[in-house]
Protein backbone atom coordinates (compact mmCIF):
# COMPACT_ATOMS: atom_id res chain seq x y z
CA MET A 1 -10.06 -32.13 -8.35
CA ALA A 2 -12.54 -29.98 -11.01
CA SER A 3 -10.81 -26.94 -12.68
CA SER A 4 -11.84 -23.54 -11.82
CA THR A 5 -13.39 -23.52 -15.42
CA GLU A 6 -15.68 -26.63 -14.86
CA GLN A 7 -19.18 -25.79 -12.77
CA ARG A 8 -19.72 -27.12 -9.17
CA GLU A 9 -22.48 -29.41 -8.99
CA ASP A 10 -25.60 -27.77 -6.96
CA PRO A 11 -25.62 -29.55 -4.19
CA PHE A 12 -29.47 -28.06 -3.77
CA ALA A 13 -30.63 -29.49 -7.38
CA ASN A 14 -32.50 -32.24 -5.96
CA GLY A 15 -33.88 -30.66 -3.61
CA MET A 16 -32.08 -32.44 -0.48
CA VAL A 17 -30.99 -30.32 1.76
CA PRO A 18 -27.90 -32.06 4.63
CA GLU A 19 -29.89 -32.41 7.91
CA GLU A 20 -26.37 -30.93 9.01
CA LEU A 21 -26.44 -27.34 7.38
CA GLN A 22 -28.02 -24.81 10.15
CA LEU A 23 -31.47 -23.39 9.62
CA SER A 24 -30.28 -20.02 8.79
CA GLN A 25 -28.05 -21.81 5.81
CA ARG A 26 -31.72 -23.78 4.60
CA GLN A 27 -33.54 -20.73 4.59
CA ASP A 28 -31.61 -18.40 2.70
CA ALA A 29 -31.24 -21.22 -0.12
CA ASP A 30 -34.87 -21.42 0.27
CA SER A 31 -36.22 -19.47 -3.03
CA ASP A 32 -39.08 -18.67 -1.11
CA ILE A 33 -37.59 -17.21 2.29
CA GLY A 34 -33.99 -15.99 1.12
CA PRO A 35 -35.46 -13.58 -0.59
CA ILE A 36 -37.32 -12.19 2.53
CA LEU A 37 -34.41 -13.17 4.74
CA LYS A 38 -32.25 -11.16 3.07
CA LEU A 39 -34.52 -8.31 2.77
CA LYS A 40 -35.12 -8.40 6.44
CA MET A 41 -31.52 -8.43 7.60
CA GLN A 42 -31.01 -5.68 5.19
CA SER A 43 -33.70 -3.23 6.78
CA ASN A 44 -37.12 -3.63 9.17
CA GLU A 45 -38.59 -1.04 6.68
CA GLN A 46 -41.35 -3.25 4.53
CA PRO A 47 -40.76 -3.21 1.04
CA ASP A 48 -43.35 -2.31 -1.67
CA ILE A 49 -44.74 -5.16 -2.95
CA SER A 50 -44.23 -4.06 -6.44
CA GLN A 51 -40.52 -4.73 -5.98
CA MET A 52 -41.78 -8.61 -5.02
CA VAL A 53 -43.32 -8.99 -8.48
CA ALA A 54 -40.80 -11.65 -9.85
CA GLU A 55 -41.33 -13.70 -6.52
CA SER A 56 -43.32 -16.66 -5.76
CA ALA A 57 -46.07 -16.51 -3.85
CA ASP A 58 -44.96 -17.74 -0.87
CA THR A 59 -42.64 -15.03 -0.75
CA LYS A 60 -44.84 -12.81 -0.92
CA THR A 61 -47.56 -14.19 1.86
CA LEU A 62 -44.27 -13.79 3.87
CA LEU A 63 -43.99 -10.46 2.72
CA SER A 64 -47.10 -9.67 3.72
CA LEU A 65 -46.52 -11.11 7.57
CA TRP A 66 -43.56 -8.68 7.73
CA ASN A 67 -44.39 -7.34 10.85
CA GLN A 68 -44.14 -10.42 12.80
CA LEU A 69 -40.85 -11.63 11.00
CA GLU A 70 -37.64 -11.19 12.89
CA VAL A 71 -33.98 -12.21 12.36
CA ARG A 72 -32.36 -14.43 15.19
CA ASP A 73 -28.76 -15.87 14.75
CA GLY A 74 -29.39 -15.28 11.13
CA ALA A 75 -32.62 -17.25 11.01
CA LEU A 76 -36.24 -16.18 9.84
CA TYR A 77 -39.13 -16.12 12.56
CA ARG A 78 -42.38 -15.34 13.29
CA ARG A 79 -43.43 -13.97 16.21
CA TRP A 80 -46.94 -15.81 17.47
CA ASN A 81 -48.86 -14.86 20.03
CA GLY A 82 -51.74 -17.83 20.77
CA GLY A 83 -54.12 -15.33 23.13
CA GLU A 84 -54.89 -16.36 26.69
CA ARG A 85 -53.82 -19.35 27.07
CA GLU A 86 -50.90 -19.17 25.33
CA PRO A 87 -47.63 -17.36 25.92
CA LYS A 88 -45.95 -15.30 22.89
CA SER A 89 -43.72 -17.80 21.07
CA PHE A 90 -40.97 -17.83 17.79
CA LYS A 91 -41.77 -20.14 15.15
CA SER A 92 -39.78 -20.91 12.42
């Protein structure tokens, strides 16, 4: 058993996420999706891009899709309207 002064090994350090983790947990741990998920859970109001300067390009891309994003069961989804041939759906 590790003492409380020892650092615990990061289970995601090797880039592998255990399959049994829920989508919401994987998104929360993701360095690109996590910041947007947290912000979206706090408020539906889109933050200014100036608050996101330290974030990745992918996070900023997600920010640009803010009005198409919603949180369901703790996971971030994008509303997708495929036009006349496809019904509105959600993509994770």
